[in-house]
Amino acid sequence: MEEKMGLKKRMMSLLLAAAVAVGSFLAAPVRAEAATTIAKGIDVSKYQGAVNWSAVKNAGYSFAFIKIGSAKSGLDPYYAANMAGANAAGLKVGAYIYSYATTVEAAITEAQFAIAALEPYTVSYPVVFDLEDSVHKNMTPEQLASLAVAFCSTVQSAGYYPMVYSSKNWMTGKIAATPYDKWIAQYNTVCEYPNPAFWQFTSSGTVPGIDGRVDLNYQFKDYSNLIVANGFVDRGGNRYYYKNYRMQFGFVEDNGKTYFMNADGTLYKQGWLGDGVNMYYMDTSDGHMLRDLVEIGGRKYYFAANGLMQRGMIPLNGKIYLFGADGAMQYGFYTDAAAGTRYFKEDGSMAANELVAVNGQKYYFDASGLMTTGLVPIGGLTYLFGADGTMQYGWYTDASGMRYFQADGSMAVNTTLTVDGALYTFDANGIATAVPALNPAAWVTDPATGVTVDTATGEVVAPETVAQVAAMSAGAGQ
């Protein structure tokens, strides 16, 4: 723009005559102030000096393109003041780089320079690649287009809306087609380039608030749904998200929900998202990130407050659940070589402090959920669990003696039981003592002493045993 203003002015009279002569052979021109004109604005640089932006706004100009600078001159000395002033006055604000790039790498560097300079400011209109310098004259159309694509794609990846600026002649005959909006310089009463987004129609405008001449522009393209202040916008069957007029990528927060925007800015709502280790799930209807306990495809998963899928043992609402390597809730037995075996019930919760029946066998799991073995006190009774954790029944012998576990699994204590036809007494520790078989027919009682002897064994029969047998006999005779 200004860095080539002298050359432009010298060419204007020739271009005007040529444009009028060939205009009827070109696409239908867009006329200034036609029904399709949306707004009028300016573009400025250091050549306009200090600008009274309120006066510009009050004069009816609604947008401005601010020169950022160039690779040769660096940051325009009025850039910061112009960006701040135009925004404060309420204009829509775009910006441009005057390019000296002759390689794709240089164009990318210019884009990165622009992105860094734009970061502190609100940019509500396109970021422009000004392609017109003499260094570009001997380059092919394809080479020039590659510069534009490199700059614009880099700017776009930072969330800005890109655009290419050049003269009508360069855009129609010197620069190959690119998919970006065009800002056309043609100092004439008509713009003969088809469907421009903006038309710079003079470099000799006068505007209140600016001393001297200034470029004037018409806007033809509506950006109200393309560069949005904040929030979601739908277009072309896709949904995009903006923050301070800048398209967002990656995770975004909106109304208490988290979403993920793809590298092209579109909303991701295809379910699983991640690298296989760090996994999220984005709802397939509206794209919001799922959290807490969720059922997906008939399986349950748990996502933390940050949306990350969880694995391993997770406490939820006072219970513990197990989630596998794939994140799915696990059920049944789970053995940790270091800790032991646990059991996760039909609802997924871990069995703890409880007796559980599994496939006809009973198991007991302690307060930490570990399967128990050996003698285990439960509810005032004692039970025996084998090495595999199953409840045991019948006789059990160890160094302390014999114990007996009844049909309900509890250990016999403080009682006398007949087991397999033999009589046993069990003490408070469950240790069994066999009760000898009684043969009263062989008993002889000495009348003088009252001592009863079992003649079959020669042993003295305890008086209480004699009394017990006598009582039983008396009862049977009644």
Protein backbone atom coordinates (compact mmCIF):
# COMPACT_ATOMS: atom_id res chain seq x y z
CA MET A 1 0.00 0.00 0.00
CA GLU A 2 1.91 3.08 1.15
CA GLU A 3 5.26 1.47 0.47
CA LYS A 4 4.26 1.46 -3.23
CA MET A 5 2.09 4.56 -3.30
CA GLY A 6 4.31 6.48 -5.66
CA LEU A 7 4.25 3.72 -8.28
CA LYS A 8 0.50 3.35 -7.90
CA LYS A 9 -0.16 7.02 -8.53
CA ARG A 10 1.97 7.09 -11.62
CA MET A 11 0.05 4.15 -13.03
CA MET A 12 -3.44 5.31 -12.13
CA SER A 13 -4.18 7.38 -15.23
CA LEU A 14 -3.04 4.59 -17.54
CA LEU A 15 -4.95 1.96 -15.57
CA LEU A 16 -8.10 4.05 -15.59
CA ALA A 17 -8.09 4.36 -19.37
CA ALA A 18 -7.32 0.67 -19.83
CA ALA A 19 -10.00 -0.37 -17.40
CA VAL A 20 -12.67 1.65 -19.16
CA ALA A 21 -11.62 0.23 -22.53
CA VAL A 22 -11.75 -3.43 -21.52
CA GLY A 23 -14.43 -3.28 -18.82
CA SER A 24 -17.16 -4.66 -21.07
CA PHE A 25 -15.16 -7.88 -21.59
CA LEU A 26 -14.71 -8.57 -17.86
CA ALA A 27 -17.02 -10.02 -15.25
CA ALA A 28 -19.83 -7.73 -14.20
CA PRO A 29 -18.21 -4.87 -12.22
CA VAL A 30 -19.17 -4.10 -8.66
CA ARG A 31 -20.12 -0.44 -8.55
CA ALA A 32 -19.37 1.85 -5.67
CA GLU A 33 -22.38 2.57 -3.48
CA ALA A 34 -24.30 -0.27 -5.18
CA ALA A 35 -26.95 -2.17 -3.25
CA THR A 36 -24.37 -4.79 -2.31
CA THR A 37 -22.11 -2.26 -0.59
CA ILE A 38 -22.15 -3.04 3.13
CA ALA A 39 -19.90 -0.41 4.63
CA LYS A 40 -17.18 2.16 4.03
CA GLY A 41 -13.79 2.23 5.72
CA ILE A 42 -10.16 3.26 5.56
CA ASP A 43 -6.68 1.76 5.80
CA VAL A 44 -3.88 3.61 7.55
CA SER A 45 -0.19 3.50 8.36
CA LYS A 46 2.48 5.87 9.60
CA TYR A 47 1.82 8.09 6.59
CA GLN A 48 -1.44 9.27 8.13
CA GLY A 49 0.24 10.21 11.40
CA ALA A 50 -1.89 10.45 14.53
CA VAL A 51 -5.54 9.69 13.81
CA ASN A 52 -8.57 11.03 15.67
CA TRP A 53 -10.52 7.79 15.57
CA SER A 54 -13.66 9.20 17.14
CA ALA A 55 -13.86 11.73 14.31
CA VAL A 56 -13.39 8.95 11.75
CA LYS A 57 -16.20 6.94 13.34
CA ASN A 58 -18.52 9.94 13.53
CA ALA A 59 -17.90 10.65 9.84
CA GLY A 60 -19.57 7.33 8.97
CA TYR A 61 -16.57 5.06 8.51
CA SER A 62 -17.20 1.70 10.17
CA PHE A 63 -13.99 -0.28 9.62
CA ALA A 64 -10.25 0.21 9.37
CA PHE A 65 -7.28 -1.85 8.26
CA ILE A 66 -4.17 -1.01 10.27
CA LYS A 67 -0.69 -1.56 8.93
CA ILE A 68 1.28 -3.89 11.18
CA GLY A 69 4.57 -3.31 9.41
CA SER A 70 6.93 -5.20 7.11
CA ALA A 71 10.07 -7.30 7.13
CA LYS A 72 12.11 -4.27 6.08
CA SER A 73 10.70 -1.51 8.25
CA GLY A 74 9.60 -3.55 11.24
CA LEU A 75 6.55 -2.60 13.27
CA ASP A 76 4.77 0.48 11.98
CA PRO A 77 5.40 3.29 14.51
CA TYR A 78 1.68 4.12 14.69
CA TYR A 79 0.50 0.50 14.81
CA ALA A 80 -0.18 0.27 18.54
CA ALA A 81 -1.91 3.66 18.72
CA ASN A 82 -4.03 2.90 15.67
CA MET A 83 -5.10 -0.54 16.90
CA ALA A 84 -6.04 0.78 20.32
CA GLY A 85 -7.70 3.94 18.99
CA ALA A 86 -9.77 2.28 16.27
CA ASN A 87 -11.03 -0.36 18.70
CA ALA A 88 -11.83 2.22 21.35
CA ALA A 89 -13.84 4.24 18.82
CA GLY A 90 -15.95 1.19 17.98
CA LEU A 91 -14.72 0.45 14.46
CA LYS A 92 -14.28 -3.06 13.10
CA VAL A 93 -10.52 -3.51 12.93
CA GLY A 94 -8.40 -5.58 10.56
CA ALA A 95 -4.66 -5.43 9.90
CA TYR A 96 -2.16 -6.02 7.12
CA ILE A 97 1.46 -6.89 6.46
CA TYR A 98 3.23 -5.36 3.49
CA SER A 99 5.08 -8.37 2.10
CA TYR A 100 8.62 -8.64 0.84
CA ALA A 101 8.56 -12.44 0.95
CA THR A 102 9.89 -14.34 -2.06
CA THR A 103 9.83 -17.80 -0.45
CA VAL A 104 7.19 -19.76 1.39
CA GLU A 105 9.41 -19.73 4.47
CA ALA A 106 9.64 -15.94 4.40
CA ALA A 107 5.86 -15.63 4.00
CA ILE A 108 5.37 -17.87 7.05
CA THR A 109 7.83 -15.71 9.00
CA GLU A 110 5.81 -12.62 8.06
CA ALA A 111 2.65 -14.34 9.23
CA GLN A 112 4.28 -15.23 12.55
CA PHE A 113 5.39 -11.61 12.93
CA ALA A 114 1.80 -10.51 12.33
CA ILE A 115 0.35 -13.02 14.79
CA ALA A 116 2.71 -11.90 17.55
CA ALA A 117 1.91 -8.23 16.92
CA LEU A 118 -1.86 -8.86 16.90
CA GLU A 119 -1.93 -10.83 20.15
CA PRO A 120 -2.67 -7.91 22.53
CA TYR A 121 -5.47 -6.46 20.40
CA THR A 122 -9.01 -7.16 19.30
CA VAL A 123 -8.97 -8.06 15.59
CA SER A 124 -12.55 -8.12 14.34
CA TYR A 125 -11.85 -8.04 10.58
CA PRO A 126 -9.47 -9.95 8.27
CA VAL A 127 -5.70 -10.12 8.58
CA VAL A 128 -4.28 -9.26 5.17
CA PHE A 129 -1.31 -10.29 3.04
CA ASP A 130 -0.39 -7.23 0.93
CA LEU A 131 1.20 -8.70 -2.20
CA GLU A 132 2.41 -6.03 -4.63
CA ASP A 133 6.10 -5.19 -4.20
CA SER A 134 8.65 -5.00 -7.01
CA VAL A 135 10.41 -8.07 -5.54
CA HIS A 136 7.39 -10.08 -6.73
CA LYS A 137 7.36 -8.89 -10.34
CA ASN A 138 9.47 -11.68 -11.80
CA MET A 139 7.80 -14.49 -9.87
CA THR A 140 5.34 -16.85 -11.53
CA PRO A 141 1.61 -16.74 -10.67
CA GLU A 142 1.96 -20.07 -8.91
CA GLN A 143 4.90 -18.85 -6.85
CA LEU A 144 2.98 -15.76 -5.78
CA ALA A 145 -0.06 -17.85 -4.92
CA SER A 146 2.12 -20.13 -2.80
CA LEU A 147 3.28 -17.10 -0.80
CA ALA A 148 -0.32 -16.05 -0.22
CA VAL A 149 -1.35 -19.55 0.82
CA ALA A 150 1.61 -19.86 3.21
CA PHE A 151 0.82 -16.55 4.91
CA CYS A 152 -2.94 -17.02 5.00
CA SER A 153 -2.89 -20.61 6.23
CA THR A 154 -0.50 -19.67 9.04
CA VAL A 155 -2.67 -16.74 10.09
CA GLN A 156 -5.77 -18.92 9.87
CA SER A 157 -4.20 -21.57 12.10
CA ALA A 158 -3.88 -18.86 14.77
CA GLY A 159 -7.62 -18.15 14.61
CA TYR A 160 -7.62 -15.07 12.38
CA TYR A 161 -9.56 -14.66 9.15
CA PRO A 162 -7.06 -14.25 6.26
CA MET A 163 -7.34 -12.17 3.11
CA VAL A 164 -5.10 -11.22 0.17
CA TYR A 165 -4.63 -7.64 -1.07
CA SER A 166 -3.33 -6.59 -4.47
CA SER A 167 -4.26 -4.55 -7.51
CA LYS A 168 -6.96 -5.71 -9.89
CA ASN A 169 -4.36 -6.30 -12.60
CA TRP A 170 -2.11 -8.37 -10.36
CA MET A 171 -5.01 -10.36 -8.98
CA THR A 172 -6.40 -11.19 -12.43
CA GLY A 173 -3.17 -11.70 -14.36
CA LYS A 174 -0.21 -12.21 -12.05
CA ILE A 175 -1.37 -14.14 -8.99
CA ALA A 176 -2.80 -17.64 -9.43
CA ALA A 177 -6.07 -18.48 -7.75
CA THR A 178 -6.16 -18.92 -3.98
CA PRO A 179 -9.14 -19.83 -1.79
CA TYR A 180 -8.97 -16.65 0.26
CA ASP A 181 -11.02 -13.45 0.17
CA LYS A 182 -9.69 -10.67 -2.02
CA TRP A 183 -9.18 -7.00 -1.27
CA ILE A 184 -8.81 -5.28 -4.62
CA ALA A 185 -7.07 -2.01 -5.32
CA GLN A 186 -8.54 -0.32 -8.41
CA TYR A 187 -8.77 3.45 -8.41
CA ASN A 188 -11.81 3.87 -10.58
CA THR A 189 -15.54 4.45 -10.40
CA VAL A 190 -16.09 0.71 -10.74
CA CYS A 191 -14.31 -2.39 -9.46
CA GLU A 192 -13.86 -4.80 -12.33
CA TYR A 193 -12.75 -7.77 -10.24
CA PRO A 194 -15.59 -10.23 -9.66
CA ASN A 195 -16.89 -10.60 -6.12
CA PRO A 196 -14.26 -8.75 -4.11
CA ALA A 197 -14.62 -8.71 -0.34
CA PHE A 198 -13.26 -5.15 -0.21
CA TRP A 199 -12.47 -2.57 -2.83
CA GLN A 200 -9.85 0.12 -2.30
CA PHE A 201 -11.19 2.72 -4.70
CA THR A 202 -8.92 5.69 -3.99
CA SER A 203 -5.73 6.68 -2.26
CA SER A 204 -6.69 10.34 -2.21
CA GLY A 205 -9.59 10.34 0.21
CA THR A 206 -10.10 12.96 2.87
CA VAL A 207 -11.60 11.96 6.18
CA PRO A 208 -12.28 13.98 9.34
CA GLY A 209 -9.70 13.12 11.99
CA ILE A 210 -6.91 12.50 9.46
CA ASP A 211 -4.52 15.12 8.12
CA GLY A 212 -3.80 14.57 4.44
CA ARG A 213 -4.84 11.80 2.09
CA VAL A 214 -5.98 8.34 3.05
CA ASP A 215 -7.06 5.15 1.27
CA LEU A 216 -10.83 4.65 1.12
CA ASN A 217 -12.52 1.27 0.80
CA TYR A 218 -15.91 -0.27 0.25
CA GLN A 219 -16.94 -3.55 1.86
CA PHE A 220 -19.04 -6.03 -0.12
CA LYS A 221 -18.79 -9.24 1.90
CA ASP A 222 -20.76 -9.74 5.11
CA TYR A 223 -18.50 -10.94 7.94
CA SER A 224 -21.13 -10.93 10.66
CA ASN A 225 -21.31 -14.74 10.61
CA LEU A 226 -17.65 -15.28 9.67
CA ILE A 227 -15.82 -13.30 12.35
CA VAL A 228 -17.86 -13.54 15.53
CA ALA A 229 -17.23 -11.77 18.82
CA ASN A 230 -17.80 -14.69 21.17
CA GLY A 231 -19.45 -18.09 21.28
CA PHE A 232 -20.60 -20.63 18.75
CA VAL A 233 -21.60 -19.91 15.18
CA ASP A 234 -23.01 -22.33 12.62
CA ARG A 235 -22.12 -22.16 8.96
CA GLY A 236 -21.78 -24.60 6.10
CA GLY A 237 -23.07 -27.46 8.21
CA ASN A 238 -20.30 -27.01 10.79
CA ARG A 239 -20.06 -25.27 14.14
CA TYR A 240 -17.20 -22.95 15.14
CA TYR A 241 -16.27 -21.18 18.35
CA TYR A 242 -14.92 -17.66 18.77
CA LYS A 243 -13.37 -15.73 21.59
CA ASN A 244 -12.81 -12.02 21.08
CA TYR A 245 -13.35 -12.41 17.31
CA ARG A 246 -10.72 -15.12 17.10
CA MET A 247 -11.54 -18.65 16.01
CA GLN A 248 -10.61 -21.13 18.71
CA PHE A 249 -8.92 -24.51 18.49
CA GLY A 250 -8.54 -27.30 21.01
CA PHE A 251 -10.55 -27.30 24.24
CA VAL A 252 -12.94 -24.40 24.89
CA GLU A 253 -15.31 -23.61 27.75
CA ASP A 254 -18.84 -22.35 27.13
CA ASN A 255 -21.66 -22.06 29.67
CA GLY A 256 -20.06 -24.52 32.04
CA LYS A 257 -19.37 -27.16 29.41
CA THR A 258 -16.16 -28.13 27.61
CA TYR A 259 -15.88 -28.66 23.86
CA PHE A 260 -13.07 -29.53 21.46
CA MET A 261 -12.49 -27.63 18.24
CA ASN A 262 -10.58 -29.34 15.43
CA ALA A 263 -7.53 -27.90 13.67
CA ASP A 264 -9.87 -26.40 11.05
CA GLY A 265 -12.00 -24.84 13.78
CA THR A 266 -14.95 -27.21 13.42
CA LEU A 267 -16.60 -28.72 16.48
CA TYR A 268 -15.55 -32.27 17.31
CA LYS A 269 -18.47 -34.51 18.23
CA GLN A 270 -17.33 -37.96 17.16
CA GLY A 271 -17.13 -39.49 20.62
CA TRP A 272 -13.71 -40.77 21.71
CA LEU A 273 -10.91 -38.22 21.58
CA GLY A 274 -7.30 -38.70 22.62
CA ASP A 275 -4.01 -40.44 22.02
CA GLY A 276 -4.97 -43.83 23.40
CA VAL A 277 -3.61 -42.99 26.84
CA ASN A 278 -5.24 -39.68 27.65
CA MET A 279 -8.80 -40.23 26.52
CA TYR A 280 -11.90 -38.03 26.54
CA TYR A 281 -15.40 -38.58 25.26
CA MET A 282 -17.22 -35.81 23.44
CA ASP A 283 -20.98 -36.17 23.20
CA THR A 284 -22.04 -37.18 19.69
CA SER A 285 -25.08 -34.90 19.70
CA ASP A 286 -23.72 -31.50 20.77
CA GLY A 287 -20.01 -32.22 21.32
CA HIS A 288 -19.77 -31.39 25.03
CA MET A 289 -17.23 -33.28 27.12
CA LEU A 290 -18.67 -36.03 29.28
CA ARG A 291 -17.76 -36.25 32.96
CA ASP A 292 -18.57 -38.57 35.88
CA LEU A 293 -20.00 -42.08 35.40
CA VAL A 294 -21.28 -42.52 31.85
CA GLU A 295 -22.63 -45.45 29.85
CA ILE A 296 -21.23 -45.69 26.31
CA GLY A 297 -22.07 -48.55 24.00
CA GLY A 298 -23.48 -50.62 26.83
CA ARG A 299 -20.37 -50.26 29.01
CA LYS A 300 -19.73 -47.85 31.87
CA TYR A 301 -16.80 -45.43 32.03
CA TYR A 302 -15.74 -42.81 34.52
CA PHE A 303 -14.39 -39.40 33.53
CA ALA A 304 -12.76 -37.08 36.07
CA ALA A 305 -13.63 -33.41 36.52
CA ASN A 306 -11.08 -32.54 33.82
CA GLY A 307 -12.74 -35.01 31.45
CA LEU A 308 -9.94 -37.58 31.44
CA MET A 309 -11.05 -41.20 31.33
CA GLN A 310 -10.02 -43.01 34.51
CA ARG A 311 -8.51 -46.45 35.01
CA GLY A 312 -7.96 -48.61 38.06
CA MET A 313 -9.86 -48.47 41.37
CA ILE A 314 -11.93 -45.29 41.72
CA PRO A 315 -13.96 -44.22 44.81
CA LEU A 316 -17.45 -42.98 43.86
CA ASN A 317 -20.22 -42.06 46.28
CA GLY A 318 -18.77 -44.08 49.12
CA LYS A 319 -18.09 -47.18 47.04
CA ILE A 320 -15.11 -48.37 45.02
CA TYR A 321 -15.26 -49.38 41.38
CA LEU A 322 -12.68 -50.88 39.04
CA PHE A 323 -12.05 -49.61 35.52
CA GLY A 324 -9.90 -51.61 33.13
CA ALA A 325 -7.09 -50.59 30.80
CA ASP A 326 -9.71 -49.67 28.20
CA GLY A 327 -11.57 -47.60 30.79
CA ALA A 328 -14.60 -49.89 30.98
CA MET A 329 -16.05 -50.84 34.37
CA GLN A 330 -14.98 -54.31 35.49
CA TYR A 331 -16.96 -57.02 37.24
CA GLY A 332 -16.12 -60.25 39.10
CA PHE A 333 -12.78 -61.29 40.59
CA TYR A 334 -9.74 -59.09 40.20
CA THR A 335 -6.32 -60.17 41.45
CA ASP A 336 -3.48 -57.78 42.14
CA ALA A 337 -0.31 -59.78 42.59
CA ALA A 338 0.96 -57.32 45.19
CA ALA A 339 -2.26 -56.89 47.20
CA GLY A 340 -4.54 -59.86 46.66
CA THR A 341 -7.94 -60.70 45.21
CA ARG A 342 -11.03 -58.51 45.22
CA TYR A 343 -14.54 -58.97 43.90
CA PHE A 344 -16.66 -56.44 42.03
CA LYS A 345 -20.37 -57.09 42.19
CA GLU A 346 -23.06 -56.87 39.52
CA ASP A 347 -23.42 -53.10 40.05
CA GLY A 348 -19.64 -52.76 39.72
CA SER A 349 -19.05 -51.86 43.37
CA MET A 350 -16.32 -53.64 45.30
CA ALA A 351 -17.37 -56.15 47.94
CA ALA A 352 -16.08 -55.02 51.34
CA ASN A 353 -16.89 -56.22 54.86
CA GLU A 354 -19.32 -58.72 53.45
CA LEU A 355 -20.01 -62.34 52.67
CA VAL A 356 -20.67 -62.84 48.95
CA ALA A 357 -22.04 -65.86 47.11
CA VAL A 358 -20.47 -66.47 43.69
CA ASN A 359 -21.39 -69.47 41.53
CA GLY A 360 -22.61 -71.45 44.53
CA GLN A 361 -19.55 -70.69 46.65
CA LYS A 362 -19.25 -68.20 49.50
CA TYR A 363 -16.38 -65.75 49.95
CA TYR A 364 -15.63 -63.08 52.51
CA PHE A 365 -14.01 -59.74 51.68
CA ASP A 366 -12.54 -57.54 54.41
CA ALA A 367 -12.81 -53.78 54.89
CA SER A 368 -10.21 -53.12 52.19
CA GLY A 369 -12.02 -55.45 49.79
CA LEU A 370 -9.42 -58.20 49.96
CA MET A 371 -10.56 -61.82 49.85
CA THR A 372 -9.84 -63.59 53.12
CA THR A 373 -8.48 -67.08 53.86
CA GLY A 374 -8.17 -69.12 57.05
CA LEU A 375 -10.22 -68.56 60.23
CA VAL A 376 -12.24 -65.34 59.97
CA PRO A 377 -14.55 -63.87 62.68
CA ILE A 378 -17.80 -62.53 61.16
CA GLY A 379 -20.69 -61.22 63.22
CA GLY A 380 -19.65 -63.00 66.40
CA LEU A 381 -19.13 -66.35 64.67
CA THR A 382 -16.03 -67.89 63.13
CA TYR A 383 -15.80 -69.23 59.61
CA LEU A 384 -13.10 -71.00 57.65
CA PHE A 385 -12.06 -70.02 54.11
CA GLY A 386 -9.73 -72.10 52.01
CA ALA A 387 -6.67 -71.01 50.05
CA ASP A 388 -8.95 -70.23 47.10
CA GLY A 389 -11.18 -68.10 49.33
CA THR A 390 -14.18 -70.44 49.36
CA MET A 391 -16.03 -71.14 52.60
CA GLN A 392 -15.14 -74.52 54.10
CA TYR A 393 -17.36 -77.05 55.87
CA GLY A 394 -16.78 -80.10 58.10
CA TRP A 395 -13.63 -81.03 59.98
CA TYR A 396 -10.52 -78.85 60.02
CA THR A 397 -7.36 -79.85 61.87
CA ASP A 398 -4.31 -77.75 62.69
CA ALA A 399 -1.66 -77.79 65.41
CA SER A 400 -4.15 -76.63 68.03
CA GLY A 401 -6.60 -79.47 67.43
CA MET A 402 -9.74 -80.39 65.56
CA ARG A 403 -12.56 -77.99 64.73
CA TYR A 404 -15.86 -78.55 63.06
CA PHE A 405 -17.64 -76.16 60.66
CA GLN A 406 -21.36 -76.67 60.45
CA ALA A 407 -23.73 -76.61 57.47
CA ASP A 408 -23.98 -72.78 57.60
CA GLY A 409 -20.19 -72.57 57.71
CA SER A 410 -19.96 -71.40 61.31
CA MET A 411 -17.53 -73.08 63.70
CA ALA A 412 -19.05 -75.21 66.47
CA VAL A 413 -18.22 -73.75 69.91
CA ASN A 414 -19.46 -74.43 73.45
CA THR A 415 -21.65 -77.30 72.32
CA THR A 416 -21.90 -81.08 71.98
CA LEU A 417 -22.64 -82.53 68.57
CA THR A 418 -22.95 -85.93 67.01
CA VAL A 419 -20.82 -86.04 63.89
CA ASP A 420 -20.68 -89.13 61.71
CA GLY A 421 -22.27 -91.15 64.53
CA ALA A 422 -19.75 -90.05 67.18
CA LEU A 423 -20.30 -87.59 70.00
CA TYR A 424 -17.98 -84.60 70.45
CA THR A 425 -17.84 -81.64 72.71
CA PHE A 426 -16.50 -78.30 71.46
CA ASP A 427 -14.98 -75.70 73.77
CA ALA A 428 -15.04 -71.90 73.47
CA ASN A 429 -12.19 -72.04 70.93
CA GLY A 430 -13.97 -74.70 68.88
CA ILE A 431 -11.52 -77.46 69.83
CA ALA A 432 -13.28 -80.84 69.69
CA THR A 433 -13.05 -83.61 72.30
CA ALA A 434 -14.53 -87.05 71.53
CA VAL A 435 -17.08 -88.36 74.05
CA PRO A 436 -16.51 -92.12 74.71
CA ALA A 437 -19.35 -94.47 73.82
CA LEU A 438 -21.43 -95.52 76.90
CA ASN A 439 -22.22 -99.20 77.75
CA PRO A 440 -24.37 -99.18 80.95
CA ALA A 441 -24.88 -102.95 80.76
CA ALA A 442 -21.22 -103.41 81.71
CA TRP A 443 -21.38 -101.06 84.66
CA VAL A 444 -21.11 -102.39 88.24
CA THR A 445 -21.70 -100.17 91.26
CA ASP A 446 -20.06 -100.96 94.62
CA PRO A 447 -22.86 -100.57 97.24
CA ALA A 448 -20.39 -99.70 99.95
CA THR A 449 -18.62 -96.93 98.11
CA GLY A 450 -21.17 -95.98 95.43
CA VAL A 451 -18.39 -96.09 92.77
CA THR A 452 -19.46 -97.35 89.38
CA VAL A 453 -16.91 -99.23 87.24
CA ASP A 454 -17.22 -100.11 83.53
CA THR A 455 -16.23 -103.76 83.62
CA ALA A 456 -15.57 -103.75 79.88
CA THR A 457 -12.87 -101.10 80.17
CA GLY A 458 -12.06 -101.18 83.87
CA GLU A 459 -12.54 -97.42 84.03
CA VAL A 460 -14.54 -95.58 86.69
CA VAL A 461 -17.69 -94.01 85.31
CA ALA A 462 -18.20 -90.44 86.37
CA PRO A 463 -21.13 -89.97 88.77
CA GLU A 464 -22.66 -87.32 86.51
CA THR A 465 -22.56 -89.75 83.61
CA VAL A 466 -24.28 -92.41 85.74
CA ALA A 467 -26.89 -89.86 86.77
CA GLN A 468 -27.39 -88.74 83.15
CA VAL A 469 -27.93 -92.33 81.96
CA ALA A 470 -30.28 -93.03 84.85
CA ALA A 471 -32.32 -89.96 84.00
CA MET A 472 -32.47 -90.92 80.35
CA SER A 473 -33.61 -94.46 81.28
CA ALA A 474 -36.27 -93.14 83.62
CA GLY A 475 -37.55 -90.84 80.94
CA ALA A 476 -37.70 -93.62 78.40
CA GLY A 477 -39.73 -95.79 80.79
CA GLN A 478 -42.49 -93.28 81.30
